[in-house]
């Protein structure tokens, strides 16, 4: 289905309703992602198996079915789309609070930001390969890449592996915008159960970034490192491992 965000842009939403749901979850992809990616579908499927009503969506300015262009993507537009999807959901009979949030990469940052802003509305949080802060993100970027990106105004990041034939070109506005966000500033708000998962070989949001956030969490928490995995989980063995971890975590919530 198509709903409108605050900017009157189209957001493509998929609702997997369970009439005997034990809970509600919102699932969010990462930068340049879409809800049909294998790791996002894995998240959707395990929540469905555990009898959740599942809401997934394509953010605007991505490669899914929603409006906008990838080149205009920012952390702000991803987060605002999450807020707008949740606001839409609140007007439906199947909506319930508190709910679970899960997301990958920039989606992981977005769901954690929402949980910090509205902790009483979030039952549990599962960020995968999450961006922890703009500051940490910038520290590990190649300085020459940043210099050329700022000078040229755009960064040609190469082909989108998840959608062959599409090229990822991102405006400098993304780099400026992401500096506004830092999960560490309000980490004390994340008192709900938190499940963190990251690939051992993730160079986008490395393991040590995850450990910085993990150590500051005060509630029930888990951190799992997937061996031989990078930033985006595509291998079947990695997806199977994450599925088992997530299933066990959901059982522990109940």
C-alpha atoms as a PDB file:
ATOM      1  CA  UNK A   1       0.000   0.000   0.000  1.00  0.00           C
ATOM      2  CA  UNK A   2       1.046   3.625  -0.442  1.00  0.00           C
ATOM      3  CA  UNK A   3       0.853   6.243   2.298  1.00  0.00           C
ATOM      4  CA  UNK A   4       2.070   9.844   2.370  1.00  0.00           C
ATOM      5  CA  UNK A   5       4.852  11.192   4.563  1.00  0.00           C
ATOM      6  CA  UNK A   6       4.964  14.712   6.022  1.00  0.00           C
ATOM      7  CA  UNK A   7       6.318  16.012   2.711  1.00  0.00           C
ATOM      8  CA  UNK A   8       3.416  14.432   0.792  1.00  0.00           C
ATOM      9  CA  UNK A   9       5.800  11.931  -0.798  1.00  0.00           C
ATOM     10  CA  UNK A  10       4.793   8.318  -1.392  1.00  0.00           C
ATOM     11  CA  UNK A  11       5.957   5.646   1.059  1.00  0.00           C
ATOM     12  CA  UNK A  12       5.406   2.013   0.086  1.00  0.00           C
ATOM     13  CA  UNK A  13       4.322   0.016   3.149  1.00  0.00           C
ATOM     14  CA  UNK A  14       3.736  -3.713   3.562  1.00  0.00           C
ATOM     15  CA  UNK A  15       1.524  -4.926   6.399  1.00  0.00           C
ATOM     16  CA  UNK A  16       1.682  -8.561   7.476  1.00  0.00           C
ATOM     17  CA  UNK A  17      -1.231  -8.632   9.894  1.00  0.00           C
ATOM     18  CA  UNK A  18      -1.650 -11.399  12.453  1.00  0.00           C
ATOM     19  CA  UNK A  19      -5.154 -11.583  13.902  1.00  0.00           C
ATOM     20  CA  UNK A  20      -3.776 -13.287  17.013  1.00  0.00           C
ATOM     21  CA  UNK A  21      -0.628 -11.192  17.229  1.00  0.00           C
ATOM     22  CA  UNK A  22       1.571 -11.345  20.310  1.00  0.00           C
ATOM     23  CA  UNK A  23       3.024  -7.978  19.372  1.00  0.00           C
ATOM     24  CA  UNK A  24       3.810  -5.400  16.705  1.00  0.00           C
ATOM     25  CA  UNK A  25       7.158  -4.749  15.010  1.00  0.00           C
ATOM     26  CA  UNK A  26       8.426  -2.149  12.552  1.00  0.00           C
ATOM     27  CA  UNK A  27      11.244  -3.316  10.256  1.00  0.00           C
ATOM     28  CA  UNK A  28      13.518  -0.801   8.527  1.00  0.00           C
ATOM     29  CA  UNK A  29      16.175  -1.176   5.828  1.00  0.00           C
ATOM     30  CA  UNK A  30      19.455   0.735   5.543  1.00  0.00           C
ATOM     31  CA  UNK A  31      20.834   3.379   3.200  1.00  0.00           C
ATOM     32  CA  UNK A  32      19.918   2.532  -0.373  1.00  0.00           C
ATOM     33  CA  UNK A  33      18.036  -0.564   0.749  1.00  0.00           C
ATOM     34  CA  UNK A  34      14.489  -1.798   0.312  1.00  0.00           C
ATOM     35  CA  UNK A  35      12.121  -4.142   2.092  1.00  0.00           C
ATOM     36  CA  UNK A  36      12.687  -7.071  -0.287  1.00  0.00           C
ATOM     37  CA  UNK A  37      16.402  -7.427   0.503  1.00  0.00           C
ATOM     38  CA  UNK A  38      17.276 -10.888   1.806  1.00  0.00           C
ATOM     39  CA  UNK A  39      18.340  -9.740   5.273  1.00  0.00           C
ATOM     40  CA  UNK A  40      15.232  -7.554   5.653  1.00  0.00           C
ATOM     41  CA  UNK A  41      12.993 -10.390   4.515  1.00  0.00           C
ATOM     42  CA  UNK A  42      14.720 -12.647   7.029  1.00  0.00           C
ATOM     43  CA  UNK A  43      13.770 -10.208   9.791  1.00  0.00           C
ATOM     44  CA  UNK A  44      10.206 -10.020   8.531  1.00  0.00           C
ATOM     45  CA  UNK A  45       9.890 -13.804   8.295  1.00  0.00           C
ATOM     46  CA  UNK A  46      11.162 -14.559  11.805  1.00  0.00           C
ATOM     47  CA  UNK A  47       8.806 -12.005  13.362  1.00  0.00           C
ATOM     48  CA  UNK A  48       5.927 -13.507  11.394  1.00  0.00           C
ATOM     49  CA  UNK A  49       6.888 -16.987  12.627  1.00  0.00           C
ATOM     50  CA  UNK A  50       6.821 -15.611  16.161  1.00  0.00           C
ATOM     51  CA  UNK A  51       3.263 -14.318  15.594  1.00  0.00           C
ATOM     52  CA  UNK A  52       3.953 -10.602  15.334  1.00  0.00           C
ATOM     53  CA  UNK A  53       2.101  -8.172  13.130  1.00  0.00           C
ATOM     54  CA  UNK A  54       4.876  -6.822  10.915  1.00  0.00           C
ATOM     55  CA  UNK A  55       5.102  -3.413   9.252  1.00  0.00           C
ATOM     56  CA  UNK A  56       7.914  -2.952   6.740  1.00  0.00           C
ATOM     57  CA  UNK A  57       8.430  -0.086   4.328  1.00  0.00           C
ATOM     58  CA  UNK A  58      10.700   1.526   1.766  1.00  0.00           C
ATOM     59  CA  UNK A  59      11.971   4.894   2.850  1.00  0.00           C
ATOM     60  CA  UNK A  60      11.889   7.755   0.400  1.00  0.00           C
ATOM     61  CA  UNK A  61      15.180   8.486  -1.373  1.00  0.00           C
ATOM     62  CA  UNK A  62      16.158   4.846  -1.633  1.00  0.00           C
ATOM     63  CA  UNK A  63      15.935   2.088  -4.266  1.00  0.00           C
ATOM     64  CA  UNK A  64      12.538   0.717  -3.285  1.00  0.00           C
ATOM     65  CA  UNK A  65       9.013   1.582  -4.349  1.00  0.00           C
ATOM     66  CA  UNK A  66       8.721   4.886  -2.478  1.00  0.00           C
ATOM     67  CA  UNK A  67       9.213   8.363  -3.889  1.00  0.00           C
ATOM     68  CA  UNK A  68      12.336  10.469  -4.118  1.00  0.00           C
ATOM     69  CA  UNK A  69      15.867   9.806  -5.339  1.00  0.00           C
ATOM     70  CA  UNK A  70      18.698   7.976  -3.624  1.00  0.00           C
ATOM     71  CA  UNK A  71      21.043  10.915  -4.210  1.00  0.00           C
ATOM     72  CA  UNK A  72      18.906  13.016  -1.824  1.00  0.00           C
ATOM     73  CA  UNK A  73      19.017  10.497   1.031  1.00  0.00           C
ATOM     74  CA  UNK A  74      19.812  11.740   4.547  1.00  0.00           C
ATOM     75  CA  UNK A  75      19.598  10.310   8.041  1.00  0.00           C
ATOM     76  CA  UNK A  76      16.905  12.908   8.726  1.00  0.00           C
ATOM     77  CA  UNK A  77      14.656  11.789   5.874  1.00  0.00           C
ATOM     78  CA  UNK A  78      15.022   8.133   6.922  1.00  0.00           C
ATOM     79  CA  UNK A  79      14.167   8.913  10.541  1.00  0.00           C
ATOM     80  CA  UNK A  80      11.229  11.136   9.624  1.00  0.00           C
ATOM     81  CA  UNK A  81       9.808   8.428   7.367  1.00  0.00           C
ATOM     82  CA  UNK A  82       9.958   5.999  10.297  1.00  0.00           C
ATOM     83  CA  UNK A  83       8.066   8.466  12.475  1.00  0.00           C
ATOM     84  CA  UNK A  84       5.493   8.987   9.734  1.00  0.00           C
ATOM     85  CA  UNK A  85       4.926   5.259   9.204  1.00  0.00           C
ATOM     86  CA  UNK A  86       4.426   4.763  12.947  1.00  0.00           C
ATOM     87  CA  UNK A  87       2.028   7.741  13.046  1.00  0.00           C
ATOM     88  CA  UNK A  88       0.036   6.153  10.199  1.00  0.00           C
ATOM     89  CA  UNK A  89      -0.002   2.792  11.974  1.00  0.00           C
ATOM     90  CA  UNK A  90      -1.358   4.377  15.155  1.00  0.00           C
ATOM     91  CA  UNK A  91      -4.660   5.069  13.405  1.00  0.00           C
ATOM     92  CA  UNK A  92      -5.302   1.372  12.712  1.00  0.00           C
ATOM     93  CA  UNK A  93      -7.105  -1.172  14.899  1.00  0.00           C
ATOM     94  CA  UNK A  94      -4.143  -3.595  14.914  1.00  0.00           C
ATOM     95  CA  UNK A  95      -1.759  -0.989  16.362  1.00  0.00           C
ATOM     96  CA  UNK A  96      -0.444  -1.582  19.866  1.00  0.00           C
ATOM     97  CA  UNK A  97       2.154  -0.203  22.231  1.00  0.00           C
ATOM     98  CA  UNK A  98       4.785  -0.837  23.270  1.00  0.00           C
ATOM     99  CA  UNK A  99       6.118  -2.298  20.017  1.00  0.00           C
ATOM    100  CA  UNK A 100       9.430  -3.727  18.805  1.00  0.00           C
ATOM    101  CA  UNK A 101      11.761  -1.887  16.439  1.00  0.00           C
ATOM    102  CA  UNK A 102      14.436  -3.416  14.237  1.00  0.00           C
ATOM    103  CA  UNK A 103      16.531  -1.964  11.440  1.00  0.00           C
ATOM    104  CA  UNK A 104      19.762  -2.328   9.502  1.00  0.00           C
ATOM    105  CA  UNK A 105      22.558   0.272   9.265  1.00  0.00           C
ATOM    106  CA  UNK A 106      20.944   3.714   8.800  1.00  0.00           C
ATOM    107  CA  UNK A 107      17.680   1.994   9.683  1.00  0.00           C
ATOM    108  CA  UNK A 108      19.353   0.790  12.868  1.00  0.00           C
ATOM    109  CA  UNK A 109      20.300   4.357  13.726  1.00  0.00           C
ATOM    110  CA  UNK A 110      16.738   5.496  12.982  1.00  0.00           C
ATOM    111  CA  UNK A 111      14.978   2.920  15.155  1.00  0.00           C
ATOM    112  CA  UNK A 112      17.396   3.586  18.027  1.00  0.00           C
ATOM    113  CA  UNK A 113      16.830   7.339  17.737  1.00  0.00           C
ATOM    114  CA  UNK A 114      13.074   6.735  17.945  1.00  0.00           C
ATOM    115  CA  UNK A 115      13.571   4.535  21.014  1.00  0.00           C
ATOM    116  CA  UNK A 116      15.619   7.278  22.677  1.00  0.00           C
ATOM    117  CA  UNK A 117      12.959   9.878  21.888  1.00  0.00           C
ATOM    118  CA  UNK A 118       9.971   7.724  22.873  1.00  0.00           C
ATOM    119  CA  UNK A 119      11.318   5.025  25.228  1.00  0.00           C
ATOM    120  CA  UNK A 120       7.925   4.241  26.754  1.00  0.00           C
ATOM    121  CA  UNK A 121       6.537   3.298  23.348  1.00  0.00           C
ATOM    122  CA  UNK A 122       9.251   0.746  22.574  1.00  0.00           C
ATOM    123  CA  UNK A 123       9.157  -2.755  24.060  1.00  0.00           C
ATOM    124  CA  UNK A 124      12.499  -3.893  22.642  1.00  0.00           C
ATOM    125  CA  UNK A 125      15.094  -2.784  20.108  1.00  0.00           C
ATOM    126  CA  UNK A 126      17.153  -4.800  17.606  1.00  0.00           C
ATOM    127  CA  UNK A 127      19.599  -2.675  15.581  1.00  0.00           C
ATOM    128  CA  UNK A 128      21.717  -4.617  13.062  1.00  0.00           C
ATOM    129  CA  UNK A 129      24.995  -3.102  11.818  1.00  0.00           C
ATOM    130  CA  UNK A 130      23.738   0.219  13.159  1.00  0.00           C
ATOM    131  CA  UNK A 131      25.348   3.589  12.584  1.00  0.00           C
ATOM    132  CA  UNK A 132      26.196   4.744  16.115  1.00  0.00           C
ATOM    133  CA  UNK A 133      27.016   8.390  15.475  1.00  0.00           C
ATOM    134  CA  UNK A 134      27.932  10.792  12.717  1.00  0.00           C
ATOM    135  CA  UNK A 135      31.171  11.590  14.526  1.00  0.00           C
ATOM    136  CA  UNK A 136      32.284   7.965  14.638  1.00  0.00           C
ATOM    137  CA  UNK A 137      31.176   7.485  11.027  1.00  0.00           C
ATOM    138  CA  UNK A 138      33.303  10.414   9.870  1.00  0.00           C
ATOM    139  CA  UNK A 139      36.373   9.231  11.784  1.00  0.00           C
ATOM    140  CA  UNK A 140      36.699   6.096   9.675  1.00  0.00           C
ATOM    141  CA  UNK A 141      36.036   7.692   6.278  1.00  0.00           C
ATOM    142  CA  UNK A 142      38.858   8.149   3.810  1.00  0.00           C
ATOM    143  CA  UNK A 143      39.867  11.807   4.049  1.00  0.00           C
ATOM    144  CA  UNK A 144      40.474  12.127   0.313  1.00  0.00           C
ATOM    145  CA  UNK A 145      37.051  10.660  -0.421  1.00  0.00           C
ATOM    146  CA  UNK A 146      35.463  13.206   1.912  1.00  0.00           C
ATOM    147  CA  UNK A 147      37.450  16.078   0.382  1.00  0.00           C
ATOM    148  CA  UNK A 148      36.501  15.121  -3.169  1.00  0.00           C
ATOM    149  CA  UNK A 149      32.908  14.436  -2.141  1.00  0.00           C
ATOM    150  CA  UNK A 150      32.575  17.907  -0.628  1.00  0.00           C
ATOM    151  CA  UNK A 151      34.322  19.541  -3.580  1.00  0.00           C
ATOM    152  CA  UNK A 152      32.277  17.764  -6.259  1.00  0.00           C
ATOM    153  CA  UNK A 153      29.011  17.820  -4.307  1.00  0.00           C
ATOM    154  CA  UNK A 154      28.320  14.155  -5.035  1.00  0.00           C
ATOM    155  CA  UNK A 155      29.974  10.802  -4.370  1.00  0.00           C
ATOM    156  CA  UNK A 156      29.662   7.998  -6.911  1.00  0.00           C
ATOM    157  CA  UNK A 157      29.662   5.003  -4.589  1.00  0.00           C
ATOM    158  CA  UNK A 158      29.419   2.352  -7.319  1.00  0.00           C
ATOM    159  CA  UNK A 159      26.817  -0.210  -8.269  1.00  0.00           C
ATOM    160  CA  UNK A 160      24.071  -1.212  -5.861  1.00  0.00           C
ATOM    161  CA  UNK A 161      24.773  -4.897  -5.196  1.00  0.00           C
ATOM    162  CA  UNK A 162      21.159  -5.469  -4.116  1.00  0.00           C
ATOM    163  CA  UNK A 163      19.841  -3.982  -7.367  1.00  0.00           C
ATOM    164  CA  UNK A 164      22.323  -4.683 -10.189  1.00  0.00           C
ATOM    165  CA  UNK A 165      22.360  -2.026 -12.860  1.00  0.00           C
ATOM    166  CA  UNK A 166      21.668   0.860 -10.487  1.00  0.00           C
ATOM    167  CA  UNK A 167      24.430   3.238  -9.453  1.00  0.00           C
ATOM    168  CA  UNK A 168      24.657   4.803  -6.006  1.00  0.00           C
ATOM    169  CA  UNK A 169      25.385   8.535  -6.229  1.00  0.00           C
ATOM    170  CA  UNK A 170      25.005  10.429  -2.964  1.00  0.00           C
ATOM    171  CA  UNK A 171      25.009  14.195  -2.380  1.00  0.00           C
ATOM    172  CA  UNK A 172      27.311  15.871   0.145  1.00  0.00           C
ATOM    173  CA  UNK A 173      24.219  16.849   2.139  1.00  0.00           C
ATOM    174  CA  UNK A 174      24.217  13.306   3.555  1.00  0.00           C
ATOM    175  CA  UNK A 175      27.638  13.794   5.151  1.00  0.00           C
ATOM    176  CA  UNK A 176      26.598  17.113   6.690  1.00  0.00           C
ATOM    177  CA  UNK A 177      23.256  15.807   7.924  1.00  0.00           C
ATOM    178  CA  UNK A 178      24.510  12.668   9.634  1.00  0.00           C
ATOM    179  CA  UNK A 179      26.743  14.744  11.901  1.00  0.00           C
ATOM    180  CA  UNK A 180      23.560  15.838  13.729  1.00  0.00           C
ATOM    181  CA  UNK A 181      23.054  12.361  15.163  1.00  0.00           C
ATOM    182  CA  UNK A 182      24.739  10.491  17.985  1.00  0.00           C
ATOM    183  CA  UNK A 183      23.107   7.615  19.861  1.00  0.00           C
ATOM    184  CA  UNK A 184      25.607   8.042  22.694  1.00  0.00           C
ATOM    185  CA  UNK A 185      24.164  11.431  23.697  1.00  0.00           C
ATOM    186  CA  UNK A 186      20.895   9.945  24.999  1.00  0.00           C
ATOM    187  CA  UNK A 187      21.933   6.327  25.479  1.00  0.00           C
ATOM    188  CA  UNK A 188      20.558   6.331  29.027  1.00  0.00           C
ATOM    189  CA  UNK A 189      17.058   6.340  27.478  1.00  0.00           C
ATOM    190  CA  UNK A 190      17.634   2.883  25.992  1.00  0.00           C
ATOM    191  CA  UNK A 191      16.554   0.889  29.035  1.00  0.00           C
ATOM    192  CA  UNK A 192      14.454  -1.611  27.060  1.00  0.00           C
ATOM    193  CA  UNK A 193      15.992  -4.966  25.967  1.00  0.00           C
ATOM    194  CA  UNK A 194      18.468  -4.359  23.133  1.00  0.00           C
ATOM    195  CA  UNK A 195      19.831  -6.915  20.675  1.00  0.00           C
ATOM    196  CA  UNK A 196      22.841  -5.757  18.648  1.00  0.00           C
ATOM    197  CA  UNK A 197      24.277  -7.725  15.718  1.00  0.00           C
ATOM    198  CA  UNK A 198      27.256  -6.831  13.526  1.00  0.00           C
ATOM    199  CA  UNK A 199      29.565  -8.575  11.067  1.00  0.00           C
ATOM    200  CA  UNK A 200      33.151  -9.191  12.142  1.00  0.00           C
ATOM    201  CA  UNK A 201      34.399  -7.743   8.848  1.00  0.00           C
ATOM    202  CA  UNK A 202      32.076  -4.734   8.780  1.00  0.00           C
ATOM    203  CA  UNK A 203      34.120  -1.717   7.685  1.00  0.00           C
ATOM    204  CA  UNK A 204      31.108   0.649   7.526  1.00  0.00           C
ATOM    205  CA  UNK A 205      30.120   0.385  11.195  1.00  0.00           C
ATOM    206  CA  UNK A 206      32.941  -1.694  12.702  1.00  0.00           C
ATOM    207  CA  UNK A 207      32.668  -3.912  15.739  1.00  0.00           C
ATOM    208  CA  UNK A 208      34.435  -1.404  17.982  1.00  0.00           C
ATOM    209  CA  UNK A 209      31.712   1.166  17.262  1.00  0.00           C
ATOM    210  CA  UNK A 210      29.110  -1.342  18.383  1.00  0.00           C
ATOM    211  CA  UNK A 211      31.043  -2.091  21.556  1.00  0.00           C
ATOM    212  CA  UNK A 212      31.155   1.603  22.462  1.00  0.00           C
ATOM    213  CA  UNK A 213      27.357   1.745  22.343  1.00  0.00           C
ATOM    214  CA  UNK A 214      26.875  -1.678  23.926  1.00  0.00           C
ATOM    215  CA  UNK A 215      28.999  -0.856  26.973  1.00  0.00           C
ATOM    216  CA  UNK A 216      26.887   2.226  27.685  1.00  0.00           C
ATOM    217  CA  UNK A 217      23.555   0.376  27.620  1.00  0.00           C
ATOM    218  CA  UNK A 218      22.145  -0.110  31.110  1.00  0.00           C
ATOM    219  CA  UNK A 219      19.308  -2.557  30.440  1.00  0.00           C
ATOM    220  CA  UNK A 220      19.105  -6.162  29.296  1.00  0.00           C
ATOM    221  CA  UNK A 221      21.418  -6.387  26.314  1.00  0.00           C
ATOM    222  CA  UNK A 222      23.093  -8.746  23.869  1.00  0.00           C
ATOM    223  CA  UNK A 223      25.834  -8.178  21.285  1.00  0.00           C
ATOM    224  CA  UNK A 224      26.477 -10.839  18.649  1.00  0.00           C
ATOM    225  CA  UNK A 225      29.352 -10.686  16.149  1.00  0.00           C
ATOM    226  CA  UNK A 226      28.832 -12.717  12.975  1.00  0.00           C
ATOM    227  CA  UNK A 227      32.133 -14.187  11.831  1.00  0.00           C
ATOM    228  CA  UNK A 228      33.265 -13.607   8.229  1.00  0.00           C
ATOM    229  CA  UNK A 229      30.321 -11.262   7.619  1.00  0.00           C
ATOM    230  CA  UNK A 230      30.502  -7.739   6.264  1.00  0.00           C
ATOM    231  CA  UNK A 231      28.072  -4.845   6.575  1.00  0.00           C
ATOM    232  CA  UNK A 232      25.123  -6.326   4.679  1.00  0.00           C
ATOM    233  CA  UNK A 233      24.207  -9.910   5.483  1.00  0.00           C
ATOM    234  CA  UNK A 234      23.656 -11.891   2.270  1.00  0.00           C
ATOM    235  CA  UNK A 235      25.203 -15.324   2.826  1.00  0.00           C
ATOM    236  CA  UNK A 236      22.732 -18.066   3.786  1.00  0.00           C
ATOM    237  CA  UNK A 237      24.817 -19.222   6.743  1.00  0.00           C
ATOM    238  CA  UNK A 238      24.965 -15.684   8.118  1.00  0.00           C
ATOM    239  CA  UNK A 239      21.231 -15.191   7.694  1.00  0.00           C
ATOM    240  CA  UNK A 240      20.538 -18.543   9.371  1.00  0.00           C
ATOM    241  CA  UNK A 241      22.763 -17.631  12.300  1.00  0.00           C
ATOM    242  CA  UNK A 242      21.040 -14.279  12.767  1.00  0.00           C
ATOM    243  CA  UNK A 243      17.637 -15.935  12.507  1.00  0.00           C
ATOM    244  CA  UNK A 244      18.515 -18.288  15.379  1.00  0.00           C
ATOM    245  CA  UNK A 245      19.848 -15.416  17.487  1.00  0.00           C
ATOM    246  CA  UNK A 246      16.758 -13.307  16.859  1.00  0.00           C
ATOM    247  CA  UNK A 247      14.364 -16.197  17.544  1.00  0.00           C
ATOM    248  CA  UNK A 248      16.032 -16.889  20.880  1.00  0.00           C
ATOM    249  CA  UNK A 249      15.965 -13.230  21.806  1.00  0.00           C
ATOM    250  CA  UNK A 250      12.260 -12.923  21.000  1.00  0.00           C
ATOM    251  CA  UNK A 251      11.539 -15.982  23.141  1.00  0.00           C
ATOM    252  CA  UNK A 252      13.406 -14.333  26.016  1.00  0.00           C
ATOM    253  CA  UNK A 253      11.172 -11.260  25.728  1.00  0.00           C
ATOM    254  CA  UNK A 254       8.089 -13.388  26.245  1.00  0.00           C
END
